[in-house]
Structure formats: C-alpha cells, structure tokens
Amino acid sequence: MDKTLVPKKSKKPVKHRHPAFERSDEFERKKTAMVQTATYLFNRAGFYATSINDISNELGISAAAVYYYFSDKTDLLYHCHLSATEKSLILAQASDESGGRGIEKLERYIRSQFKALISKEGTAWAFADISALDPIQRKDIVARSREVDNFILRFIEQGIADKSIATSNPRIAEFFMIGALNWVPRWYRPDSGLTAEELAEIFLQFAFDGMRPRA
C-alpha cells in the first residue's frame, strides 16, 4: 500500500505538566496540586462526569500517578472536602479574630471566600455532593462543615445583638449565605471578566441589602 495514502493519526494536544510535578521529592506539594485540580474540575463538571483521566490530563501526569496518592476517585473527593473545610475554617477564624461588628465579620469572611473560590490553585470550596462519599467520610465532613457554619451563625447573631444586622431568623440567614456561596464554583468562569472583589461586591449587595437595618 502506498504510505502516502494512509491517513495520519491526529495527535492530542499535550498538557504541560503542573509545576508541582517538576521535582520528584515533593510529595505533599503534588498531593495538594491533585486535590486543588480535582476540586476545580468536580466543581465545574460534577463528580460523576469527571474521571481520574480528566484530572491526570489537566495535571499533565498519568492516571497511575493519581492512584499512587489516592485509592480511588471517592478517596480523592474526600480529600477535596477535607481541604475545603479546613481552609474555610481558617478563613472564618481569621474573620472572627479581626474583630468588629457582626456584619463586618460576615463581610470579611465572604470577601475572603470569594478570593479563594474563584482561584483554580486556591479553590477552598468543594461543590460536589457529599452523598458520593462513604458513610464514615460523609459523617466526618458534615461535622467539619458544621464548625464553619457555626461561625457564620455567630456572626449573624452578633450582628443582630449589635444592631448591624436586621433579621428575625439567623439560622435561615445562615442557610442562605452558605447555600449561595456553595453555588459560586459551579457558575463562575475565569473568562467572565470579573475579579474576586467585583464578584464579592455584587454578592454582598444582594445579600446584605436584605439584612441591613432600615432607617
């Protein structure tokens, strides 16, 4: 057969390796990169629609390398949630320790979350449904999430006490805040042209105009 008549196979574009994998001895850095990338992809496409191959391709490594760090995709999801709750708790604690009225602590927390939420490298919120986790993992993540939720609730309750927040049901207000923040990773796109600060301003305008005391 004339070789000139044989169609050439198209090559897939080669992903550049994530910087964390340029060195062979940085175990924790590689693991962190995998968790961040998985969180980013899970948030945008969903847990079930995202494969280990999708994650490894995004990182520019083999699927086998991912399995070296995590037993399966569910284990990786669990670590995504662990990272998310840990980072969120740190942000909530920092917002509380900085002082101020209840609404100022809540605003500070939301602004810091937006900076983390829209960053591919610093994703701090795992949108993926925890029902995909096994029962023990799910129980652990729920307990950790409640620690963060309780900070938000306390900020709102403090705001009611110091009259910086006007709402008759702090628990429902807390549910609203957490629910709204949870959706950001799903609809936000880096090419939207909006910065974290601009997004936070829009979010705060919608959220706080309904909670500020009326003159």
N, C-alpha and C. Protein backbone atom coordinates (compact mmCIF):
# COMPACT_ATOMS: atom_id res chain seq x y z
N MET A 1 0.85 -1.20 0.00
CA MET A 1 0.00 0.00 0.00
C MET A 1 0.88 1.25 0.00
N ASP A 2 0.48 2.23 -0.80
CA ASP A 2 1.22 3.50 -0.84
C ASP A 2 1.04 4.20 0.50
N LYS A 3 2.16 4.41 1.21
CA LYS A 3 2.10 5.03 2.54
C LYS A 3 1.56 6.45 2.49
N THR A 4 1.64 7.06 1.34
CA THR A 4 1.14 8.44 1.23
C THR A 4 -0.37 8.50 1.32
N LEU A 5 -1.02 7.31 1.07
CA LEU A 5 -2.48 7.28 1.12
C LEU A 5 -3.01 6.95 2.52
N VAL A 6 -2.13 6.56 3.43
CA VAL A 6 -2.56 6.22 4.79
C VAL A 6 -2.73 7.50 5.58
N PRO A 7 -3.95 7.74 6.09
CA PRO A 7 -4.18 8.98 6.84
C PRO A 7 -3.34 9.02 8.11
N LYS A 8 -2.80 10.17 8.37
CA LYS A 8 -2.01 10.33 9.58
C LYS A 8 -2.92 10.44 10.80
N LYS A 9 -2.49 9.81 11.89
CA LYS A 9 -3.27 9.90 13.13
C LYS A 9 -3.06 11.28 13.77
N SER A 10 -4.19 11.87 14.15
CA SER A 10 -4.08 13.17 14.80
C SER A 10 -3.61 13.00 16.23
N LYS A 11 -2.74 13.86 16.64
CA LYS A 11 -2.20 13.80 17.99
C LYS A 11 -2.99 14.73 18.92
N LYS A 12 -3.28 14.20 20.13
CA LYS A 12 -3.95 15.05 21.12
C LYS A 12 -2.96 16.09 21.63
N PRO A 13 -3.44 17.30 21.90
CA PRO A 13 -2.53 18.30 22.44
C PRO A 13 -1.97 17.86 23.79
N VAL A 14 -0.69 17.97 23.97
CA VAL A 14 -0.06 17.54 25.21
C VAL A 14 -0.18 18.63 26.27
N LYS A 15 -0.73 18.24 27.41
CA LYS A 15 -0.86 19.19 28.51
C LYS A 15 0.49 19.41 29.14
N HIS A 16 0.79 20.66 29.48
CA HIS A 16 2.02 20.93 30.20
C HIS A 16 1.89 20.41 31.62
N ARG A 17 2.96 19.87 32.13
CA ARG A 17 2.94 19.35 33.49
C ARG A 17 2.73 20.47 34.49
N HIS A 18 1.95 20.16 35.52
CA HIS A 18 1.78 21.10 36.63
C HIS A 18 3.16 21.30 37.28
N PRO A 19 3.49 22.54 37.67
CA PRO A 19 4.80 22.82 38.27
C PRO A 19 5.14 21.92 39.45
N ALA A 20 4.13 21.45 40.18
CA ALA A 20 4.37 20.60 41.36
C ALA A 20 5.05 19.29 40.98
N PHE A 21 4.96 18.90 39.70
CA PHE A 21 5.49 17.61 39.28
C PHE A 21 6.83 17.73 38.55
N GLU A 22 7.42 18.90 38.64
CA GLU A 22 8.73 19.09 38.03
C GLU A 22 9.84 18.49 38.89
N ARG A 23 9.54 18.31 40.18
CA ARG A 23 10.51 17.69 41.09
C ARG A 23 9.95 16.36 41.57
N SER A 24 10.81 15.43 41.87
CA SER A 24 10.35 14.09 42.24
C SER A 24 10.19 13.88 43.74
N ASP A 25 10.63 14.85 44.56
CA ASP A 25 10.67 14.63 46.00
C ASP A 25 9.66 15.47 46.79
N GLU A 26 8.72 16.09 46.10
CA GLU A 26 7.78 16.98 46.79
C GLU A 26 6.41 16.31 46.91
N PHE A 27 6.31 15.34 47.80
CA PHE A 27 5.11 14.53 47.95
C PHE A 27 3.89 15.38 48.27
N GLU A 28 3.98 16.19 49.31
CA GLU A 28 2.82 16.98 49.76
C GLU A 28 2.39 18.01 48.72
N ARG A 29 3.36 18.60 48.04
CA ARG A 29 3.02 19.59 47.02
C ARG A 29 2.26 18.94 45.87
N LYS A 30 2.67 17.74 45.50
CA LYS A 30 1.98 17.02 44.43
C LYS A 30 0.56 16.65 44.86
N LYS A 31 0.43 16.17 46.08
CA LYS A 31 -0.88 15.78 46.60
C LYS A 31 -1.81 16.98 46.65
N THR A 32 -1.28 18.13 47.09
CA THR A 32 -2.08 19.35 47.14
C THR A 32 -2.53 19.77 45.75
N ALA A 33 -1.63 19.66 44.77
CA ALA A 33 -1.97 20.02 43.38
C ALA A 33 -3.08 19.12 42.85
N MET A 34 -3.04 17.84 43.20
CA MET A 34 -4.09 16.92 42.76
C MET A 34 -5.43 17.28 43.37
N VAL A 35 -5.43 17.61 44.65
CA VAL A 35 -6.67 17.97 45.35
C VAL A 35 -7.24 19.26 44.78
N GLN A 36 -6.39 20.26 44.56
CA GLN A 36 -6.86 21.54 44.01
C GLN A 36 -7.44 21.36 42.62
N THR A 37 -6.76 20.60 41.78
CA THR A 37 -7.22 20.38 40.41
C THR A 37 -8.51 19.57 40.39
N ALA A 38 -8.58 18.54 41.22
CA ALA A 38 -9.80 17.73 41.29
C ALA A 38 -10.98 18.56 41.77
N THR A 39 -10.76 19.39 42.78
CA THR A 39 -11.83 20.26 43.28
C THR A 39 -12.33 21.18 42.18
N TYR A 40 -11.40 21.77 41.46
CA TYR A 40 -11.73 22.68 40.37
C TYR A 40 -12.58 21.98 39.31
N LEU A 41 -12.20 20.76 38.93
CA LEU A 41 -12.93 20.03 37.89
C LEU A 41 -14.26 19.47 38.41
N PHE A 42 -14.26 18.96 39.64
CA PHE A 42 -15.51 18.46 40.22
C PHE A 42 -16.54 19.59 40.32
N ASN A 43 -16.08 20.77 40.72
CA ASN A 43 -16.99 21.91 40.87
C ASN A 43 -17.65 22.29 39.55
N ARG A 44 -16.91 22.17 38.47
CA ARG A 44 -17.41 22.65 37.19
C ARG A 44 -18.16 21.59 36.38
N ALA A 45 -17.72 20.35 36.44
CA ALA A 45 -18.37 19.31 35.64
C ALA A 45 -19.18 18.32 36.47
N GLY A 46 -18.94 18.31 37.78
CA GLY A 46 -19.61 17.34 38.64
C GLY A 46 -18.72 16.14 38.91
N PHE A 47 -18.93 15.49 40.04
CA PHE A 47 -18.10 14.35 40.46
C PHE A 47 -18.21 13.19 39.48
N TYR A 48 -19.42 12.81 39.12
CA TYR A 48 -19.62 11.63 38.29
C TYR A 48 -19.18 11.85 36.84
N ALA A 49 -19.24 13.08 36.37
CA ALA A 49 -18.85 13.37 34.99
C ALA A 49 -17.35 13.60 34.84
N THR A 50 -16.64 13.66 35.95
CA THR A 50 -15.19 13.89 35.93
C THR A 50 -14.47 12.59 36.24
N SER A 51 -13.56 12.19 35.37
CA SER A 51 -12.82 10.94 35.57
C SER A 51 -11.42 11.22 36.10
N ILE A 52 -10.80 10.17 36.60
CA ILE A 52 -9.40 10.28 37.02
C ILE A 52 -8.53 10.70 35.84
N ASN A 53 -8.86 10.21 34.65
CA ASN A 53 -8.12 10.61 33.45
C ASN A 53 -8.23 12.10 33.18
N ASP A 54 -9.44 12.67 33.41
CA ASP A 54 -9.63 14.11 33.24
C ASP A 54 -8.69 14.87 34.16
N ILE A 55 -8.61 14.40 35.40
CA ILE A 55 -7.77 15.07 36.41
C ILE A 55 -6.30 14.92 36.06
N SER A 56 -5.89 13.70 35.70
CA SER A 56 -4.47 13.49 35.37
C SER A 56 -4.07 14.26 34.11
N ASN A 57 -4.97 14.33 33.13
CA ASN A 57 -4.68 15.09 31.91
C ASN A 57 -4.51 16.57 32.21
N GLU A 58 -5.36 17.08 33.10
CA GLU A 58 -5.26 18.50 33.48
C GLU A 58 -3.92 18.79 34.15
N LEU A 59 -3.42 17.82 34.89
CA LEU A 59 -2.14 17.97 35.60
C LEU A 59 -0.94 17.65 34.73
N GLY A 60 -1.20 16.98 33.59
CA GLY A 60 -0.10 16.59 32.71
C GLY A 60 0.66 15.39 33.23
N ILE A 61 -0.03 14.48 33.94
CA ILE A 61 0.61 13.29 34.50
C ILE A 61 -0.22 12.06 34.11
N SER A 62 0.21 10.89 34.53
CA SER A 62 -0.53 9.67 34.24
C SER A 62 -1.60 9.43 35.31
N ALA A 63 -2.62 8.66 34.94
CA ALA A 63 -3.66 8.29 35.91
C ALA A 63 -3.05 7.45 37.04
N ALA A 64 -2.05 6.64 36.72
CA ALA A 64 -1.39 5.81 37.73
C ALA A 64 -0.78 6.66 38.83
N ALA A 65 -0.29 7.84 38.48
CA ALA A 65 0.30 8.73 39.48
C ALA A 65 -0.74 9.20 40.48
N VAL A 66 -1.96 9.42 40.00
CA VAL A 66 -3.05 9.84 40.90
C VAL A 66 -3.38 8.71 41.86
N TYR A 67 -3.44 7.48 41.33
CA TYR A 67 -3.77 6.32 42.16
C TYR A 67 -2.68 6.00 43.17
N TYR A 68 -1.48 6.52 42.95
CA TYR A 68 -0.40 6.34 43.94
C TYR A 68 -0.72 7.10 45.22
N TYR A 69 -1.44 8.23 45.07
CA TYR A 69 -1.76 9.07 46.22
C TYR A 69 -3.14 8.79 46.81
N PHE A 70 -4.07 8.35 45.97
CA PHE A 70 -5.46 8.14 46.41
C PHE A 70 -5.94 6.78 45.93
N SER A 71 -6.67 6.08 46.79
CA SER A 71 -7.09 4.72 46.47
C SER A 71 -8.09 4.68 45.32
N ASP A 72 -8.96 5.69 45.24
CA ASP A 72 -9.93 5.78 44.15
C ASP A 72 -10.46 7.20 44.06
N LYS A 73 -11.42 7.43 43.18
CA LYS A 73 -11.93 8.79 42.97
C LYS A 73 -12.69 9.29 44.21
N THR A 74 -13.36 8.39 44.92
CA THR A 74 -14.08 8.79 46.13
C THR A 74 -13.10 9.24 47.21
N ASP A 75 -11.98 8.56 47.33
CA ASP A 75 -10.96 8.96 48.29
C ASP A 75 -10.43 10.34 47.95
N LEU A 76 -10.24 10.61 46.66
CA LEU A 76 -9.79 11.92 46.22
C LEU A 76 -10.84 12.99 46.55
N LEU A 77 -12.12 12.67 46.32
CA LEU A 77 -13.19 13.60 46.66
C LEU A 77 -13.20 13.91 48.15
N TYR A 78 -13.00 12.90 48.97
CA TYR A 78 -12.95 13.08 50.42
C TYR A 78 -11.86 14.08 50.80
N HIS A 79 -10.70 13.94 50.18
CA HIS A 79 -9.60 14.87 50.48
C HIS A 79 -9.89 16.27 49.95
N CYS A 80 -10.67 16.37 48.88
CA CYS A 80 -11.11 17.68 48.40
C CYS A 80 -11.96 18.37 49.47
N HIS A 81 -12.89 17.61 50.04
CA HIS A 81 -13.75 18.16 51.09
C HIS A 81 -12.95 18.48 52.36
N LEU A 82 -12.00 17.63 52.70
CA LEU A 82 -11.15 17.90 53.86
C LEU A 82 -10.42 19.23 53.70
N SER A 83 -9.82 19.41 52.52
CA SER A 83 -9.09 20.64 52.24
C SER A 83 -10.02 21.85 52.28
N ALA A 84 -11.21 21.70 51.69
CA ALA A 84 -12.16 22.80 51.63
C ALA A 84 -12.62 23.23 53.01
N THR A 85 -12.99 22.27 53.84
CA THR A 85 -13.48 22.63 55.18
C THR A 85 -12.36 23.20 56.04
N GLU A 86 -11.15 22.69 55.88
CA GLU A 86 -10.02 23.21 56.65
C GLU A 86 -9.74 24.67 56.28
N LYS A 87 -9.71 24.96 54.98
CA LYS A 87 -9.45 26.32 54.54
C LYS A 87 -10.57 27.27 54.95
N SER A 88 -11.81 26.80 54.84
CA SER A 88 -12.95 27.64 55.20
C SER A 88 -12.95 27.95 56.69
N LEU A 89 -12.56 26.98 57.50
CA LEU A 89 -12.49 27.20 58.95
C LEU A 89 -11.41 28.23 59.28
N ILE A 90 -10.28 28.15 58.59
CA ILE A 90 -9.20 29.13 58.81
C ILE A 90 -9.69 30.53 58.46
N LEU A 91 -10.42 30.67 57.34
CA LEU A 91 -10.94 31.97 56.92
C LEU A 91 -11.96 32.50 57.93
N ALA A 92 -12.81 31.63 58.44
CA ALA A 92 -13.83 32.04 59.41
C ALA A 92 -13.18 32.47 60.72
N GLN A 93 -12.18 31.73 61.17
CA GLN A 93 -11.48 32.09 62.40
C GLN A 93 -10.77 33.43 62.26
N ALA A 94 -10.13 33.64 61.12
CA ALA A 94 -9.43 34.90 60.88
C ALA A 94 -10.40 36.07 60.86
N SER A 95 -11.57 35.87 60.25
CA SER A 95 -12.59 36.92 60.20
C SER A 95 -13.08 37.26 61.60
N ASP A 96 -13.22 36.25 62.43
CA ASP A 96 -13.68 36.46 63.81
C ASP A 96 -12.63 37.18 64.64
N GLU A 97 -11.38 36.74 64.51
CA GLU A 97 -10.30 37.31 65.31
C GLU A 97 -9.96 38.74 64.94
N SER A 98 -10.34 39.16 63.73
CA SER A 98 -10.06 40.53 63.30
C SER A 98 -10.99 41.54 63.97
N GLY A 99 -12.02 41.05 64.64
CA GLY A 99 -12.90 41.93 65.41
C GLY A 99 -13.91 42.68 64.56
N GLY A 100 -14.64 43.59 65.22
CA GLY A 100 -15.64 44.38 64.54
C GLY A 100 -17.05 43.89 64.83
N ARG A 101 -18.02 44.55 64.23
CA ARG A 101 -19.41 44.16 64.42
C ARG A 101 -19.70 42.87 63.65
N GLY A 102 -20.86 42.31 63.93
CA GLY A 102 -21.22 41.05 63.30
C GLY A 102 -21.22 41.13 61.79
N ILE A 103 -21.78 42.19 61.24
CA ILE A 103 -21.87 42.30 59.79
C ILE A 103 -20.48 42.49 59.16
N GLU A 104 -19.56 43.11 59.91
CA GLU A 104 -18.21 43.31 59.40
C GLU A 104 -17.45 41.98 59.35
N LYS A 105 -17.67 41.14 60.36
CA LYS A 105 -17.03 39.81 60.36
C LYS A 105 -17.58 38.96 59.21
N LEU A 106 -18.89 39.03 59.02
CA LEU A 106 -19.52 38.26 57.95
C LEU A 106 -19.03 38.74 56.58
N GLU A 107 -18.96 40.05 56.41
CA GLU A 107 -18.49 40.60 55.13
C GLU A 107 -17.04 40.21 54.88
N ARG A 108 -16.23 40.25 55.92
CA ARG A 108 -14.81 39.89 55.78
C ARG A 108 -14.67 38.43 55.36
N TYR A 109 -15.48 37.57 55.96
CA TYR A 109 -15.43 36.15 55.62
C TYR A 109 -15.84 35.92 54.16
N ILE A 110 -16.91 36.58 53.73
CA ILE A 110 -17.40 36.39 52.36
C ILE A 110 -16.38 36.88 51.35
N ARG A 111 -15.77 38.02 51.60
CA ARG A 111 -14.76 38.54 50.68
C ARG A 111 -13.58 37.57 50.57
N SER A 112 -13.14 37.03 51.70
CA SER A 112 -12.00 36.10 51.67
C SER A 112 -12.38 34.81 50.96
N GLN A 113 -13.64 34.38 51.12
CA GLN A 113 -14.08 33.17 50.43
C GLN A 113 -14.11 33.37 48.92
N PHE A 114 -14.55 34.54 48.48
CA PHE A 114 -14.58 34.78 47.03
C PHE A 114 -13.19 34.74 46.44
N LYS A 115 -12.22 35.26 47.15
CA LYS A 115 -10.84 35.24 46.65
C LYS A 115 -10.37 33.79 46.48
N ALA A 116 -10.78 32.94 47.41
CA ALA A 116 -10.37 31.54 47.34
C ALA A 116 -11.22 30.74 46.35
N LEU A 117 -12.50 31.02 46.32
CA LEU A 117 -13.42 30.24 45.50
C LEU A 117 -13.13 30.31 44.01
N ILE A 118 -12.73 31.49 43.52
CA ILE A 118 -12.60 31.64 42.07
C ILE A 118 -11.19 31.34 41.57
N SER A 119 -10.31 30.96 42.48
CA SER A 119 -8.94 30.65 42.08
C SER A 119 -8.79 29.16 41.83
N LYS A 120 -8.25 28.80 40.69
CA LYS A 120 -8.04 27.39 40.37
C LYS A 120 -7.05 26.76 41.33
N GLU A 121 -6.01 27.52 41.69
CA GLU A 121 -4.98 26.98 42.57
C GLU A 121 -5.41 27.01 44.04
N GLY A 122 -6.30 27.91 44.38
CA GLY A 122 -6.64 28.04 45.80
C GLY A 122 -8.08 27.73 46.11
N THR A 123 -8.70 26.90 45.29
CA THR A 123 -10.10 26.57 45.50
C THR A 123 -10.33 26.11 46.93
N ALA A 124 -11.24 26.77 47.61
CA ALA A 124 -11.47 26.46 49.01
C ALA A 124 -12.86 25.93 49.29
N TRP A 125 -13.59 25.63 48.25
CA TRP A 125 -14.93 25.14 48.47
C TRP A 125 -15.21 23.99 47.53
N ALA A 126 -15.60 22.85 48.07
CA ALA A 126 -15.90 21.69 47.24
C ALA A 126 -17.40 21.60 47.02
N PHE A 127 -17.83 21.84 45.80
CA PHE A 127 -19.25 21.87 45.48
C PHE A 127 -19.84 20.46 45.39
N ALA A 128 -19.03 19.50 45.03
CA ALA A 128 -19.53 18.15 44.75
C ALA A 128 -20.33 17.59 45.92
N ASP A 129 -21.40 16.90 45.61
CA ASP A 129 -22.32 16.34 46.59
C ASP A 129 -21.61 15.33 47.50
N ILE A 130 -21.75 15.51 48.82
CA ILE A 130 -21.08 14.60 49.75
C ILE A 130 -21.75 13.22 49.78
N SER A 131 -22.89 13.07 49.12
CA SER A 131 -23.54 11.77 49.08
C SER A 131 -22.69 10.74 48.34
N ALA A 132 -21.73 11.22 47.56
CA ALA A 132 -20.82 10.31 46.84
C ALA A 132 -19.79 9.68 47.78
N LEU A 133 -19.63 10.25 48.98
CA LEU A 133 -18.68 9.72 49.94
C LEU A 133 -19.26 8.50 50.65
N ASP A 134 -18.38 7.71 51.27
CA ASP A 134 -18.90 6.59 52.05
C ASP A 134 -19.42 7.14 53.39
N PRO A 135 -20.24 6.39 54.12
CA PRO A 135 -20.90 6.92 55.33
C PRO A 135 -19.95 7.52 56.37
N ILE A 136 -18.80 6.89 56.59
CA ILE A 136 -17.85 7.40 57.58
C ILE A 136 -17.25 8.72 57.12
N GLN A 137 -16.87 8.79 55.86
CA GLN A 137 -16.32 10.03 55.30
C GLN A 137 -17.36 11.15 55.36
N ARG A 138 -18.59 10.80 55.00
CA ARG A 138 -19.68 11.79 54.99
C ARG A 138 -19.90 12.36 56.38
N LYS A 139 -19.93 11.50 57.38
CA LYS A 139 -20.14 11.95 58.76
C LYS A 139 -19.04 12.90 59.20
N ASP A 140 -17.81 12.59 58.82
CA ASP A 140 -16.67 13.43 59.19
C ASP A 140 -16.77 14.80 58.54
N ILE A 141 -17.11 14.85 57.25
CA ILE A 141 -17.18 16.12 56.54
C ILE A 141 -18.34 16.97 57.06
N VAL A 142 -19.47 16.34 57.36
CA VAL A 142 -20.61 17.07 57.91
C VAL A 142 -20.23 17.73 59.23
N ALA A 143 -19.52 17.00 60.09
CA ALA A 143 -19.09 17.55 61.38
C ALA A 143 -18.14 18.73 61.19
N ARG A 144 -17.21 18.60 60.25
CA ARG A 144 -16.26 19.68 59.99
C ARG A 144 -16.98 20.91 59.39
N SER A 145 -17.93 20.66 58.51
CA SER A 145 -18.67 21.77 57.90
C SER A 145 -19.48 22.54 58.92
N ARG A 146 -20.00 21.84 59.92
CA ARG A 146 -20.80 22.49 60.95
C ARG A 146 -19.98 23.49 61.75
N GLU A 147 -18.67 23.21 61.90
CA GLU A 147 -17.80 24.15 62.59
C GLU A 147 -17.78 25.49 61.86
N VAL A 148 -17.69 25.43 60.53
CA VAL A 148 -17.70 26.65 59.73
C VAL A 148 -19.07 27.30 59.79
N ASP A 149 -20.13 26.50 59.63
CA ASP A 149 -21.49 27.04 59.66
C ASP A 149 -21.76 27.77 60.97
N ASN A 150 -21.23 27.23 62.07
CA ASN A 150 -21.47 27.85 63.38
C ASN A 150 -20.82 29.23 63.48
N PHE A 151 -19.68 29.41 62.82
CA PHE A 151 -19.06 30.73 62.79
C PHE A 151 -19.99 31.72 62.08
N ILE A 152 -20.52 31.31 60.93
CA ILE A 152 -21.42 32.19 60.17
C ILE A 152 -22.64 32.54 61.01
N LEU A 153 -23.18 31.55 61.68
CA LEU A 153 -24.34 31.78 62.54
C LEU A 153 -24.01 32.76 63.66
N ARG A 154 -22.85 32.61 64.27
CA ARG A 154 -22.45 33.52 65.35
C ARG A 154 -22.26 34.95 64.84
N PHE A 155 -21.70 35.09 63.64
CA PHE A 155 -21.54 36.43 63.07
C PHE A 155 -22.91 37.10 62.92
N ILE A 156 -23.88 36.33 62.43
CA ILE A 156 -25.23 36.88 62.22
C ILE A 156 -25.88 37.20 63.56
N GLU A 157 -25.74 36.30 64.52
CA GLU A 157 -26.33 36.54 65.85
C GLU A 157 -25.68 37.74 66.53
N GLN A 158 -24.36 37.89 66.36
CA GLN A 158 -23.69 39.06 66.92
C GLN A 158 -24.18 40.33 66.24
N GLY A 159 -24.39 40.24 64.91
CA GLY A 159 -24.90 41.40 64.17
C GLY A 159 -26.29 41.81 64.64
N ILE A 160 -27.11 40.83 64.96
CA ILE A 160 -28.45 41.13 65.48
C ILE A 160 -28.33 41.83 66.83
N ALA A 161 -27.41 41.32 67.67
CA ALA A 161 -27.22 41.90 69.01
C ALA A 161 -26.65 43.31 68.96
N ASP A 162 -25.71 43.56 68.02
CA ASP A 162 -25.11 44.91 67.95
C ASP A 162 -25.84 45.82 66.96
N LYS A 163 -26.96 45.29 66.44
CA LYS A 163 -27.86 46.06 65.55
C LYS A 163 -27.24 46.41 64.20
N SER A 164 -26.22 45.64 63.78
CA SER A 164 -25.66 45.84 62.43
C SER A 164 -26.36 44.94 61.42
N ILE A 165 -27.14 43.97 61.90
CA ILE A 165 -27.90 43.07 61.05
C ILE A 165 -29.34 43.03 61.54
N ALA A 166 -30.27 43.12 60.60
CA ALA A 166 -31.69 43.07 60.95
C ALA A 166 -32.32 41.86 60.28
N THR A 167 -32.50 40.79 61.04
CA THR A 167 -33.21 39.61 60.55
C THR A 167 -33.81 38.91 61.75
N SER A 168 -34.96 38.33 61.57
CA SER A 168 -35.64 37.68 62.69
C SER A 168 -35.28 36.20 62.79
N ASN A 169 -34.56 35.67 61.80
CA ASN A 169 -34.24 34.26 61.82
C ASN A 169 -32.79 34.04 61.39
N PRO A 170 -31.85 34.08 62.34
CA PRO A 170 -30.42 33.94 62.00
C PRO A 170 -30.08 32.61 61.33
N ARG A 171 -30.77 31.54 61.71
CA ARG A 171 -30.47 30.24 61.13
C ARG A 171 -30.80 30.21 59.63
N ILE A 172 -31.95 30.77 59.25
CA ILE A 172 -32.31 30.81 57.84
C ILE A 172 -31.34 31.71 57.08
N ALA A 173 -30.94 32.82 57.69
CA ALA A 173 -29.97 33.72 57.06
C ALA A 173 -28.65 32.99 56.82
N GLU A 174 -28.24 32.16 57.79
CA GLU A 174 -27.00 31.38 57.65
C GLU A 174 -27.13 30.36 56.51
N PHE A 175 -28.29 29.68 56.44
CA PHE A 175 -28.52 28.72 55.36
C PHE A 175 -28.42 29.41 53.99
N PHE A 176 -28.99 30.63 53.92
CA PHE A 176 -28.96 31.38 52.66
C PHE A 176 -27.53 31.70 52.25
N MET A 177 -26.72 32.17 53.20
CA MET A 177 -25.34 32.53 52.90
C MET A 177 -24.53 31.33 52.43
N ILE A 178 -24.61 30.24 53.18
CA ILE A 178 -23.85 29.04 52.83
C ILE A 178 -24.31 28.48 51.49
N GLY A 179 -25.64 28.44 51.28
CA GLY A 179 -26.17 27.92 50.02
C GLY A 179 -25.73 28.74 48.82
N ALA A 180 -25.77 30.07 48.97
CA ALA A 180 -25.36 30.94 47.87
C ALA A 180 -23.88 30.80 47.55
N LEU A 181 -23.05 30.72 48.58
CA LEU A 181 -21.61 30.56 48.37
C LEU A 181 -21.30 29.21 47.72
N ASN A 182 -22.03 28.19 48.12
CA ASN A 182 -21.78 26.85 47.58
C ASN A 182 -21.94 26.78 46.06
N TRP A 183 -22.78 27.64 45.51
CA TRP A 183 -23.06 27.58 44.08
C TRP A 183 -22.03 28.34 43.23
N VAL A 184 -21.24 29.19 43.85
CA VAL A 184 -20.31 30.02 43.08
C VAL A 184 -19.36 29.20 42.20
N PRO A 185 -18.73 28.13 42.73
CA PRO A 185 -17.80 27.37 41.87
C PRO A 185 -18.47 26.75 40.65
N ARG A 186 -19.78 26.50 40.72
CA ARG A 186 -20.46 25.87 39.59
C ARG A 186 -20.68 26.85 38.44
N TRP A 187 -21.07 28.11 38.76
CA TRP A 187 -21.41 29.02 37.65
C TRP A 187 -20.28 29.98 37.28
N TYR A 188 -19.29 30.16 38.17
CA TYR A 188 -18.23 31.12 37.85
C TYR A 188 -17.30 30.58 36.77
N ARG A 189 -16.92 31.46 35.85
CA ARG A 189 -15.95 31.11 34.81
C ARG A 189 -14.83 32.16 34.81
N PRO A 190 -13.57 31.70 34.75
CA PRO A 190 -12.44 32.63 34.81
C PRO A 190 -12.48 33.71 33.73
N ASP A 191 -13.14 33.42 32.58
CA ASP A 191 -13.17 34.39 31.49
C ASP A 191 -14.37 35.34 31.59
N SER A 192 -15.00 35.39 32.77
CA SER A 192 -16.18 36.25 32.94
C SER A 192 -15.81 37.73 32.94
N GLY A 193 -14.52 38.02 33.18
CA GLY A 193 -14.09 39.41 33.21
C GLY A 193 -14.27 40.08 34.56
N LEU A 194 -14.77 39.34 35.55
CA LEU A 194 -15.00 39.89 36.88
C LEU A 194 -13.93 39.40 37.85
N THR A 195 -13.43 40.31 38.67
CA THR A 195 -12.45 39.93 39.68
C THR A 195 -13.17 39.41 40.92
N ALA A 196 -12.39 38.85 41.84
CA ALA A 196 -12.97 38.36 43.10
C ALA A 196 -13.63 39.50 43.85
N GLU A 197 -12.99 40.68 43.84
CA GLU A 197 -13.54 41.84 44.55
C GLU A 197 -14.86 42.29 43.93
N GLU A 198 -14.93 42.29 42.61
CA GLU A 198 -16.16 42.72 41.94
C GLU A 198 -17.30 41.74 42.20
N LEU A 199 -16.98 40.45 42.15
CA LEU A 199 -18.00 39.44 42.44
C LEU A 199 -18.49 39.55 43.87
N ALA A 200 -17.55 39.76 44.79
CA ALA A 200 -17.92 39.90 46.20
C ALA A 200 -18.85 41.09 46.40
N GLU A 201 -18.56 42.20 45.72
CA GLU A 201 -19.41 43.39 45.85
C GLU A 201 -20.84 43.11 45.39
N ILE A 202 -20.97 42.41 44.26
CA ILE A 202 -22.29 42.08 43.74
C ILE A 202 -23.02 41.16 44.72
N PHE A 203 -22.30 40.15 45.21
CA PHE A 203 -22.89 39.19 46.15
C PHE A 203 -23.34 39.90 47.42
N LEU A 204 -22.48 40.75 47.97
CA LEU A 204 -22.79 41.45 49.21
C LEU A 204 -23.97 42.41 49.04
N GLN A 205 -24.06 43.02 47.88
CA GLN A 205 -25.17 43.92 47.62
C GLN A 205 -26.50 43.16 47.67
N PHE A 206 -26.53 42.01 47.00
CA PHE A 206 -27.75 41.19 47.01
C PHE A 206 -28.06 40.69 48.41
N ALA A 207 -27.02 40.18 49.10
CA ALA A 207 -27.24 39.55 50.39
C ALA A 207 -27.51 40.54 51.51
N PHE A 208 -26.71 41.60 51.58
CA PHE A 208 -26.80 42.48 52.73
C PHE A 208 -27.91 43.52 52.65
N ASP A 209 -28.33 43.88 51.47
CA ASP A 209 -29.41 44.85 51.39
C ASP A 209 -30.67 44.34 52.08
N GLY A 210 -30.78 43.02 52.16
CA GLY A 210 -31.95 42.45 52.83
C GLY A 210 -31.77 42.29 54.32
N MET A 211 -30.53 42.53 54.83
CA MET A 211 -30.27 42.34 56.25
C MET A 211 -29.93 43.62 57.01
N ARG A 212 -29.60 44.69 56.27
CA ARG A 212 -29.25 45.92 56.96
C ARG A 212 -30.49 46.53 57.62
N PRO A 213 -30.30 47.14 58.80
CA PRO A 213 -31.43 47.79 59.46
C PRO A 213 -31.99 48.91 58.61
N ARG A 214 -33.29 49.07 58.61
CA ARG A 214 -33.94 50.17 57.89
C ARG A 214 -34.00 51.41 58.76
N ALA A 215 -33.72 52.54 58.18
CA ALA A 215 -33.71 53.81 58.95
C ALA A 215 -35.14 54.15 59.39
